């Protein structure tokens, strides 16, 4: 599988977003909603101004992270660390 990339305004090559997310103003960078640990990595903006977040596909909540790689460390702490709906045990669907 080939990943489509583009050079952004800061000169770095990044993956082209998969499309808009259900959260207004954010685009899907990586969709893992059908994995054993459902989550979606979303982004907002381009270049040096890019903001990253991890989103819960069940509760449509997000937690902004300082870098794309910071998402991984937050996710490894468990869903309750970044989704209040999951932390509170709210039903999803």
PDB file of N, CA and C in Angstrom:
ATOM      1  N   UNK A   1       0.837  -1.172   0.000  1.00  0.00           N
ATOM      2  CA  UNK A   1       0.000   0.000   0.000  1.00  0.00           C
ATOM      3  C   UNK A   1       0.888   1.243   0.000  1.00  0.00           C
ATOM      4  N   UNK A   2       0.630   2.157  -0.892  1.00  0.00           N
ATOM      5  CA  UNK A   2       1.388   3.390  -0.998  1.00  0.00           C
ATOM      6  C   UNK A   2       0.664   4.503  -0.245  1.00  0.00           C
ATOM      7  N   UNK A   3       1.418   5.229   0.560  1.00  0.00           N
ATOM      8  CA  UNK A   3       0.861   6.345   1.315  1.00  0.00           C
ATOM      9  C   UNK A   3       1.135   7.625   0.538  1.00  0.00           C
ATOM     10  N   UNK A   4       0.075   8.377   0.259  1.00  0.00           N
ATOM     11  CA  UNK A   4       0.223   9.624  -0.472  1.00  0.00           C
ATOM     12  C   UNK A   4       0.722  10.706   0.480  1.00  0.00           C
ATOM     13  N   UNK A   5       1.793  11.402   0.068  1.00  0.00           N
ATOM     14  CA  UNK A   5       2.356  12.462   0.898  1.00  0.00           C
ATOM     15  C   UNK A   5       2.432  13.756   0.097  1.00  0.00           C
ATOM     16  N   UNK A   6       2.692  14.851   0.804  1.00  0.00           N
ATOM     17  CA  UNK A   6       2.894  16.141   0.150  1.00  0.00           C
ATOM     18  C   UNK A   6       3.866  16.959   0.993  1.00  0.00           C
ATOM     19  N   UNK A   7       4.547  17.884   0.345  1.00  0.00           N
ATOM     20  CA  UNK A   7       5.443  18.789   1.049  1.00  0.00           C
ATOM     21  C   UNK A   7       4.604  19.963   1.523  1.00  0.00           C
ATOM     22  N   UNK A   8       4.651  20.226   2.827  1.00  0.00           N
ATOM     23  CA  UNK A   8       3.831  21.289   3.397  1.00  0.00           C
ATOM     24  C   UNK A   8       4.633  22.580   3.523  1.00  0.00           C
ATOM     25  N   UNK A   9       3.980  23.616   4.032  1.00  0.00           N
ATOM     26  CA  UNK A   9       4.564  24.956   4.050  1.00  0.00           C
ATOM     27  C   UNK A   9       5.850  25.058   4.870  1.00  0.00           C
ATOM     28  N   UNK A  10       6.090  24.135   5.796  1.00  0.00           N
ATOM     29  CA  UNK A  10       7.331  24.175   6.566  1.00  0.00           C
ATOM     30  C   UNK A  10       8.428  23.336   5.921  1.00  0.00           C
ATOM     31  N   UNK A  11       8.162  22.795   4.727  1.00  0.00           N
ATOM     32  CA  UNK A  11       9.147  22.027   3.989  1.00  0.00           C
ATOM     33  C   UNK A  11       9.186  20.551   4.327  1.00  0.00           C
ATOM     34  N   UNK A  12       8.377  20.101   5.280  1.00  0.00           N
ATOM     35  CA  UNK A  12       8.355  18.690   5.662  1.00  0.00           C
ATOM     36  C   UNK A  12       7.334  17.931   4.834  1.00  0.00           C
ATOM     37  N   UNK A  13       7.651  16.673   4.566  1.00  0.00           N
ATOM     38  CA  UNK A  13       6.745  15.799   3.821  1.00  0.00           C
ATOM     39  C   UNK A  13       5.860  15.078   4.822  1.00  0.00           C
ATOM     40  N   UNK A  14       4.539  15.202   4.633  1.00  0.00           N
ATOM     41  CA  UNK A  14       3.582  14.554   5.530  1.00  0.00           C
ATOM     42  C   UNK A  14       2.526  13.817   4.720  1.00  0.00           C
ATOM     43  N   UNK A  15       1.927  12.847   5.372  1.00  0.00           N
ATOM     44  CA  UNK A  15       0.841  12.075   4.772  1.00  0.00           C
ATOM     45  C   UNK A  15      -0.338  12.995   4.476  1.00  0.00           C
ATOM     46  N   UNK A  16      -0.948  12.804   3.325  1.00  0.00           N
ATOM     47  CA  UNK A  16      -2.142  13.558   2.963  1.00  0.00           C
ATOM     48  C   UNK A  16      -3.297  13.047   3.827  1.00  0.00           C
ATOM     49  N   UNK A  17      -4.051  13.943   4.474  1.00  0.00           N
ATOM     50  CA  UNK A  17      -5.172  13.497   5.309  1.00  0.00           C
ATOM     51  C   UNK A  17      -6.168  12.663   4.516  1.00  0.00           C
ATOM     52  N   UNK A  18      -6.822  11.724   5.200  1.00  0.00           N
ATOM     53  CA  UNK A  18      -7.792  10.837   4.561  1.00  0.00           C
ATOM     54  C   UNK A  18      -9.110  11.536   4.275  1.00  0.00           C
ATOM     55  N   UNK A  19      -9.344  12.669   4.920  1.00  0.00           N
ATOM     56  CA  UNK A  19     -10.575  13.423   4.720  1.00  0.00           C
ATOM     57  C   UNK A  19     -10.994  14.072   6.022  1.00  0.00           C
ATOM     58  N   UNK A  20     -12.119  14.761   6.009  1.00  0.00           N
ATOM     59  CA  UNK A  20     -12.572  15.440   7.226  1.00  0.00           C
ATOM     60  C   UNK A  20     -13.050  14.434   8.276  1.00  0.00           C
ATOM     61  N   UNK A  21     -12.849  14.787   9.541  1.00  0.00           N
ATOM     62  CA  UNK A  21     -13.331  13.937  10.627  1.00  0.00           C
ATOM     63  C   UNK A  21     -14.728  14.394  11.022  1.00  0.00           C
ATOM     64  N   UNK A  22     -15.343  13.666  11.934  1.00  0.00           N
ATOM     65  CA  UNK A  22     -16.663  14.058  12.435  1.00  0.00           C
ATOM     66  C   UNK A  22     -16.569  15.250  13.376  1.00  0.00           C
ATOM     67  N   UNK A  23     -15.358  15.574  13.790  1.00  0.00           N
ATOM     68  CA  UNK A  23     -15.127  16.724  14.652  1.00  0.00           C
ATOM     69  C   UNK A  23     -14.810  17.906  13.744  1.00  0.00           C
ATOM     70  N   UNK A  24     -15.660  18.927  13.710  1.00  0.00           N
ATOM     71  CA  UNK A  24     -15.493  20.042  12.783  1.00  0.00           C
ATOM     72  C   UNK A  24     -14.114  20.705  12.882  1.00  0.00           C
ATOM     73  N   UNK A  25     -13.528  20.972  11.732  1.00  0.00           N
ATOM     74  CA  UNK A  25     -12.248  21.653  11.667  1.00  0.00           C
ATOM     75  C   UNK A  25     -11.032  20.748  11.731  1.00  0.00           C
ATOM     76  N   UNK A  26     -11.231  19.459  11.870  1.00  0.00           N
ATOM     77  CA  UNK A  26     -10.139  18.494  11.973  1.00  0.00           C
ATOM     78  C   UNK A  26     -10.216  17.503  10.823  1.00  0.00           C
ATOM     79  N   UNK A  27      -9.048  17.071  10.328  1.00  0.00           N
ATOM     80  CA  UNK A  27      -8.960  16.063   9.267  1.00  0.00           C
ATOM     81  C   UNK A  27      -8.389  14.776   9.832  1.00  0.00           C
ATOM     82  N   UNK A  28      -8.780  13.657   9.241  1.00  0.00           N
ATOM     83  CA  UNK A  28      -8.296  12.344   9.675  1.00  0.00           C
ATOM     84  C   UNK A  28      -6.907  12.111   9.094  1.00  0.00           C
ATOM     85  N   UNK A  29      -5.926  11.910   9.977  1.00  0.00           N
ATOM     86  CA  UNK A  29      -4.573  11.561   9.532  1.00  0.00           C
ATOM     87  C   UNK A  29      -4.433  10.043   9.474  1.00  0.00           C
ATOM     88  N   UNK A  30      -4.875   9.359  10.528  1.00  0.00           N
ATOM     89  CA  UNK A  30      -4.817   7.902  10.593  1.00  0.00           C
ATOM     90  C   UNK A  30      -6.082   7.401  11.264  1.00  0.00           C
ATOM     91  N   UNK A  31      -6.799   6.515  10.599  1.00  0.00           N
ATOM     92  CA  UNK A  31      -8.050   5.985  11.129  1.00  0.00           C
ATOM     93  C   UNK A  31      -7.840   4.553  11.596  1.00  0.00           C
ATOM     94  N   UNK A  32      -7.864   4.365  12.895  1.00  0.00           N
ATOM     95  CA  UNK A  32      -7.721   3.044  13.492  1.00  0.00           C
ATOM     96  C   UNK A  32      -9.012   2.658  14.203  1.00  0.00           C
ATOM     97  N   UNK A  33     -10.143   3.140  13.703  1.00  0.00           N
ATOM     98  CA  UNK A  33     -11.419   2.912  14.384  1.00  0.00           C
ATOM     99  C   UNK A  33     -11.876   1.457  14.311  1.00  0.00           C
ATOM    100  N   UNK A  34     -11.322   0.674  13.418  1.00  0.00           N
ATOM    101  CA  UNK A  34     -11.709  -0.735  13.313  1.00  0.00           C
ATOM    102  C   UNK A  34     -10.662  -1.670  13.906  1.00  0.00           C
ATOM    103  N   UNK A  35      -9.732  -1.110  14.694  1.00  0.00           N
ATOM    104  CA  UNK A  35      -8.685  -1.935  15.283  1.00  0.00           C
ATOM    105  C   UNK A  35      -9.129  -2.447  16.654  1.00  0.00           C
ATOM    106  N   UNK A  36      -8.292  -3.238  17.286  1.00  0.00           N
ATOM    107  CA  UNK A  36      -8.590  -3.736  18.623  1.00  0.00           C
ATOM    108  C   UNK A  36      -8.607  -2.630  19.663  1.00  0.00           C
ATOM    109  N   UNK A  37      -7.928  -1.528  19.376  1.00  0.00           N
ATOM    110  CA  UNK A  37      -7.901  -0.344  20.243  1.00  0.00           C
ATOM    111  C   UNK A  37      -8.368   0.838  19.404  1.00  0.00           C
ATOM    112  N   UNK A  38      -9.679   0.983  19.204  1.00  0.00           N
ATOM    113  CA  UNK A  38     -10.193   2.000  18.291  1.00  0.00           C
ATOM    114  C   UNK A  38      -9.789   3.426  18.675  1.00  0.00           C
ATOM    115  N   UNK A  39      -9.192   4.123  17.743  1.00  0.00           N
ATOM    116  CA  UNK A  39      -8.844   5.528  17.909  1.00  0.00           C
ATOM    117  C   UNK A  39      -8.598   6.128  16.525  1.00  0.00           C
ATOM    118  N   UNK A  40      -8.632   7.435  16.471  1.00  0.00           N
ATOM    119  CA  UNK A  40      -8.366   8.142  15.230  1.00  0.00           C
ATOM    120  C   UNK A  40      -7.381   9.258  15.539  1.00  0.00           C
ATOM    121  N   UNK A  41      -6.318   9.341  14.752  1.00  0.00           N
ATOM    122  CA  UNK A  41      -5.368  10.438  14.883  1.00  0.00           C
ATOM    123  C   UNK A  41      -5.834  11.517  13.905  1.00  0.00           C
ATOM    124  N   UNK A  42      -6.086  12.709  14.439  1.00  0.00           N
ATOM    125  CA  UNK A  42      -6.591  13.796  13.603  1.00  0.00           C
ATOM    126  C   UNK A  42      -5.620  14.974  13.642  1.00  0.00           C
ATOM    127  N   UNK A  43      -5.724  15.827  12.624  1.00  0.00           N
ATOM    128  CA  UNK A  43      -4.847  16.988  12.554  1.00  0.00           C
ATOM    129  C   UNK A  43      -5.620  18.204  12.096  1.00  0.00           C
ATOM    130  N   UNK A  44      -5.071  19.348  12.423  1.00  0.00           N
ATOM    131  CA  UNK A  44      -5.690  20.615  12.074  1.00  0.00           C
ATOM    132  C   UNK A  44      -4.563  21.536  11.618  1.00  0.00           C
ATOM    133  N   UNK A  45      -4.729  22.145  10.465  1.00  0.00           N
ATOM    134  CA  UNK A  45      -3.714  23.063   9.964  1.00  0.00           C
ATOM    135  C   UNK A  45      -2.667  22.360   9.128  1.00  0.00           C
ATOM    136  N   UNK A  46      -1.609  23.106   8.821  1.00  0.00           N
ATOM    137  CA  UNK A  46      -0.546  22.600   7.972  1.00  0.00           C
ATOM    138  C   UNK A  46       0.778  23.202   8.395  1.00  0.00           C
ATOM    139  N   UNK A  47       1.848  22.508   8.068  1.00  0.00           N
ATOM    140  CA  UNK A  47       3.186  23.018   8.331  1.00  0.00           C
ATOM    141  C   UNK A  47       3.475  23.135   9.816  1.00  0.00           C
ATOM    142  N   UNK A  48       4.219  24.175  10.176  1.00  0.00           N
ATOM    143  CA  UNK A  48       4.613  24.376  11.567  1.00  0.00           C
ATOM    144  C   UNK A  48       3.410  24.617  12.474  1.00  0.00           C
ATOM    145  N   UNK A  49       2.291  25.044  11.912  1.00  0.00           N
ATOM    146  CA  UNK A  49       1.091  25.337  12.699  1.00  0.00           C
ATOM    147  C   UNK A  49       0.182  24.117  12.876  1.00  0.00           C
ATOM    148  N   UNK A  50       0.616  22.948  12.450  1.00  0.00           N
ATOM    149  CA  UNK A  50      -0.210  21.743  12.559  1.00  0.00           C
ATOM    150  C   UNK A  50      -0.460  21.387  14.016  1.00  0.00           C
ATOM    151  N   UNK A  51      -1.710  21.119  14.330  1.00  0.00           N
ATOM    152  CA  UNK A  51      -2.100  20.630  15.661  1.00  0.00           C
ATOM    153  C   UNK A  51      -2.514  19.176  15.500  1.00  0.00           C
ATOM    154  N   UNK A  52      -2.170  18.343  16.472  1.00  0.00           N
ATOM    155  CA  UNK A  52      -2.482  16.919  16.446  1.00  0.00           C
ATOM    156  C   UNK A  52      -3.366  16.562  17.631  1.00  0.00           C
ATOM    157  N   UNK A  53      -4.185  15.550  17.454  1.00  0.00           N
ATOM    158  CA  UNK A  53      -5.039  15.075  18.543  1.00  0.00           C
ATOM    159  C   UNK A  53      -5.358  13.599  18.319  1.00  0.00           C
ATOM    160  N   UNK A  54      -5.740  12.942  19.396  1.00  0.00           N
ATOM    161  CA  UNK A  54      -6.253  11.578  19.319  1.00  0.00           C
ATOM    162  C   UNK A  54      -7.741  11.683  19.636  1.00  0.00           C
ATOM    163  N   UNK A  55      -8.560  10.998  18.856  1.00  0.00           N
ATOM    164  CA  UNK A  55     -10.010  11.097  19.010  1.00  0.00           C
ATOM    165  C   UNK A  55     -10.617   9.718  19.231  1.00  0.00           C
ATOM    166  N   UNK A  56     -11.656   9.697  20.040  1.00  0.00           N
ATOM    167  CA  UNK A  56     -12.401   8.475  20.304  1.00  0.00           C
ATOM    168  C   UNK A  56     -13.534   8.385  19.283  1.00  0.00           C
ATOM    169  N   UNK A  57     -13.564   7.339  18.459  1.00  0.00           N
ATOM    170  CA  UNK A  57     -14.632   7.223  17.469  1.00  0.00           C
ATOM    171  C   UNK A  57     -15.994   6.928  18.101  1.00  0.00           C
ATOM    172  N   UNK A  58     -16.008   6.452  19.341  1.00  0.00           N
ATOM    173  CA  UNK A  58     -17.255   6.122  20.017  1.00  0.00           C
ATOM    174  C   UNK A  58     -17.917   7.346  20.619  1.00  0.00           C
ATOM    175  N   UNK A  59     -17.124   8.209  21.259  1.00  0.00           N
ATOM    176  CA  UNK A  59     -17.681   9.357  21.969  1.00  0.00           C
ATOM    177  C   UNK A  59     -17.403  10.688  21.272  1.00  0.00           C
ATOM    178  N   UNK A  60     -16.665  10.666  20.184  1.00  0.00           N
ATOM    179  CA  UNK A  60     -16.320  11.872  19.410  1.00  0.00           C
ATOM    180  C   UNK A  60     -15.659  12.929  20.278  1.00  0.00           C
ATOM    181  N   UNK A  61     -14.805  12.470  21.170  1.00  0.00           N
ATOM    182  CA  UNK A  61     -14.029  13.364  22.027  1.00  0.00           C
ATOM    183  C   UNK A  61     -12.585  13.319  21.561  1.00  0.00           C
ATOM    184  N   UNK A  62     -11.858  14.402  21.828  1.00  0.00           N
ATOM    185  CA  UNK A  62     -10.463  14.434  21.419  1.00  0.00           C
ATOM    186  C   UNK A  62      -9.587  14.973  22.529  1.00  0.00           C
ATOM    187  N   UNK A  63      -8.318  14.614  22.468  1.00  0.00           N
ATOM    188  CA  UNK A  63      -7.298  15.162  23.355  1.00  0.00           C
ATOM    189  C   UNK A  63      -6.173  15.656  22.459  1.00  0.00           C
ATOM    190  N   UNK A  64      -5.886  16.936  22.536  1.00  0.00           N
ATOM    191  CA  UNK A  64      -4.824  17.534  21.732  1.00  0.00           C
ATOM    192  C   UNK A  64      -3.480  17.132  22.324  1.00  0.00           C
ATOM    193  N   UNK A  65      -2.538  16.792  21.452  1.00  0.00           N
ATOM    194  CA  UNK A  65      -1.189  16.407  21.869  1.00  0.00           C
ATOM    195  C   UNK A  65      -0.185  17.340  21.194  1.00  0.00           C
ATOM    196  N   UNK A  66       0.993  17.537  21.806  1.00  0.00           N
ATOM    197  CA  UNK A  66       1.950  18.497  21.249  1.00  0.00           C
ATOM    198  C   UNK A  66       2.561  18.081  19.910  1.00  0.00           C
ATOM    199  N   UNK A  67       2.713  16.775  19.681  1.00  0.00           N
ATOM    200  CA  UNK A  67       3.263  16.275  18.420  1.00  0.00           C
ATOM    201  C   UNK A  67       2.504  15.014  18.024  1.00  0.00           C
ATOM    202  N   UNK A  68       2.655  14.642  16.775  1.00  0.00           N
ATOM    203  CA  UNK A  68       1.982  13.426  16.319  1.00  0.00           C
ATOM    204  C   UNK A  68       2.457  12.213  17.112  1.00  0.00           C
ATOM    205  N   UNK A  69       3.735  12.121  17.408  1.00  0.00           N
ATOM    206  CA  UNK A  69       4.258  10.963  18.137  1.00  0.00           C
ATOM    207  C   UNK A  69       3.794  10.919  19.582  1.00  0.00           C
ATOM    208  N   UNK A  70       3.417  12.045  20.163  1.00  0.00           N
ATOM    209  CA  UNK A  70       2.937  12.072  21.548  1.00  0.00           C
ATOM    210  C   UNK A  70       1.616  11.324  21.686  1.00  0.00           C
ATOM    211  N   UNK A  71       0.916  11.164  20.599  1.00  0.00           N
ATOM    212  CA  UNK A  71      -0.355  10.419  20.604  1.00  0.00           C
ATOM    213  C   UNK A  71      -0.126   8.983  21.070  1.00  0.00           C
ATOM    214  N   UNK A  72       0.949   8.393  20.639  1.00  0.00           N
ATOM    215  CA  UNK A  72       1.226   6.995  20.971  1.00  0.00           C
ATOM    216  C   UNK A  72       1.391   6.807  22.485  1.00  0.00           C
ATOM    217  N   UNK A  73       2.165   7.671  23.124  1.00  0.00           N
ATOM    218  CA  UNK A  73       2.391   7.563  24.565  1.00  0.00           C
ATOM    219  C   UNK A  73       1.085   7.756  25.340  1.00  0.00           C
ATOM    220  N   UNK A  74       0.261   8.699  24.901  1.00  0.00           N
ATOM    221  CA  UNK A  74      -1.019   8.931  25.559  1.00  0.00           C
ATOM    222  C   UNK A  74      -1.937   7.721  25.397  1.00  0.00           C
ATOM    223  N   UNK A  75      -1.982   7.165  24.206  1.00  0.00           N
ATOM    224  CA  UNK A  75      -2.827   5.997  23.947  1.00  0.00           C
ATOM    225  C   UNK A  75      -2.391   4.798  24.772  1.00  0.00           C
ATOM    226  N   UNK A  76      -1.093   4.626  24.980  1.00  0.00           N
ATOM    227  CA  UNK A  76      -0.583   3.492  25.748  1.00  0.00           C
ATOM    228  C   UNK A  76      -0.942   3.581  27.223  1.00  0.00           C
ATOM    229  N   UNK A  77      -1.283   4.761  27.707  1.00  0.00           N
ATOM    230  CA  UNK A  77      -1.717   4.926  29.100  1.00  0.00           C
ATOM    231  C   UNK A  77      -3.137   4.423  29.303  1.00  0.00           C
ATOM    232  N   UNK A  78      -3.841   4.149  28.221  1.00  0.00           N
ATOM    233  CA  UNK A  78      -5.197   3.630  28.306  1.00  0.00           C
ATOM    234  C   UNK A  78      -6.225   4.656  27.875  1.00  0.00           C
ATOM    235  N   UNK A  79      -7.315   4.159  27.366  1.00  0.00           N
ATOM    236  CA  UNK A  79      -8.373   5.016  26.818  1.00  0.00           C
ATOM    237  C   UNK A  79      -8.891   6.021  27.841  1.00  0.00           C
ATOM    238  N   UNK A  80      -8.950   5.638  29.103  1.00  0.00           N
ATOM    239  CA  UNK A  80      -9.453   6.550  30.137  1.00  0.00           C
ATOM    240  C   UNK A  80      -8.568   7.778  30.301  1.00  0.00           C
ATOM    241  N   UNK A  81      -7.320   7.706  29.839  1.00  0.00           N
ATOM    242  CA  UNK A  81      -6.397   8.839  29.949  1.00  0.00           C
ATOM    243  C   UNK A  81      -6.719   9.943  28.950  1.00  0.00           C
ATOM    244  N   UNK A  82      -7.431   9.611  27.887  1.00  0.00           N
ATOM    245  CA  UNK A  82      -7.682  10.636  26.871  1.00  0.00           C
ATOM    246  C   UNK A  82      -9.136  10.762  26.433  1.00  0.00           C
ATOM    247  N   UNK A  83     -10.029   9.913  26.899  1.00  0.00           N
ATOM    248  CA  UNK A  83     -11.451  10.013  26.549  1.00  0.00           C
ATOM    249  C   UNK A  83     -12.283   9.984  27.825  1.00  0.00           C
ATOM    250  N   UNK A  84     -12.924  11.088  28.146  1.00  0.00           N
ATOM    251  CA  UNK A  84     -13.727  11.135  29.372  1.00  0.00           C
ATOM    252  C   UNK A  84     -14.937  10.216  29.277  1.00  0.00           C
ATOM    253  N   UNK A  85     -15.488  10.034  28.082  1.00  0.00           N
ATOM    254  CA  UNK A  85     -16.617   9.124  27.914  1.00  0.00           C
ATOM    255  C   UNK A  85     -16.243   7.703  28.280  1.00  0.00           C
ATOM    256  N   UNK A  86     -15.069   7.270  27.851  1.00  0.00           N
ATOM    257  CA  UNK A  86     -14.605   5.926  28.206  1.00  0.00           C
ATOM    258  C   UNK A  86     -14.249   5.852  29.682  1.00  0.00           C
ATOM    259  N   UNK A  87     -13.649   6.903  30.227  1.00  0.00           N
ATOM    260  CA  UNK A  87     -13.289   6.933  31.648  1.00  0.00           C
ATOM    261  C   UNK A  87     -14.520   6.837  32.530  1.00  0.00           C
ATOM    262  N   UNK A  88     -15.620   7.463  32.088  1.00  0.00           N
ATOM    263  CA  UNK A  88     -16.865   7.443  32.867  1.00  0.00           C
ATOM    264  C   UNK A  88     -17.713   6.212  32.592  1.00  0.00           C
ATOM    265  N   UNK A  89     -17.311   5.399  31.625  1.00  0.00           N
ATOM    266  CA  UNK A  89     -18.059   4.195  31.301  1.00  0.00           C
ATOM    267  C   UNK A  89     -19.336   4.441  30.521  1.00  0.00           C
ATOM    268  N   UNK A  90     -19.414   5.595  29.846  1.00  0.00           N
ATOM    269  CA  UNK A  90     -20.613   5.881  29.055  1.00  0.00           C
ATOM    270  C   UNK A  90     -20.723   4.908  27.887  1.00  0.00           C
ATOM    271  N   UNK A  91     -21.928   4.504  27.521  1.00  0.00           N
ATOM    272  CA  UNK A  91     -22.096   3.603  26.387  1.00  0.00           C
ATOM    273  C   UNK A  91     -21.659   4.288  25.095  1.00  0.00           C
ATOM    274  N   UNK A  92     -21.262   3.495  24.147  1.00  0.00           N
ATOM    275  CA  UNK A  92     -20.842   4.043  22.865  1.00  0.00           C
ATOM    276  C   UNK A  92     -21.702   3.465  21.763  1.00  0.00           C
ATOM    277  N   UNK A  93     -21.676   4.163  20.642  1.00  0.00           N
ATOM    278  CA  UNK A  93     -22.449   3.660  19.520  1.00  0.00           C
ATOM    279  C   UNK A  93     -23.125   4.682  18.726  1.00  0.00           C
TER     280      UNK A  93
END
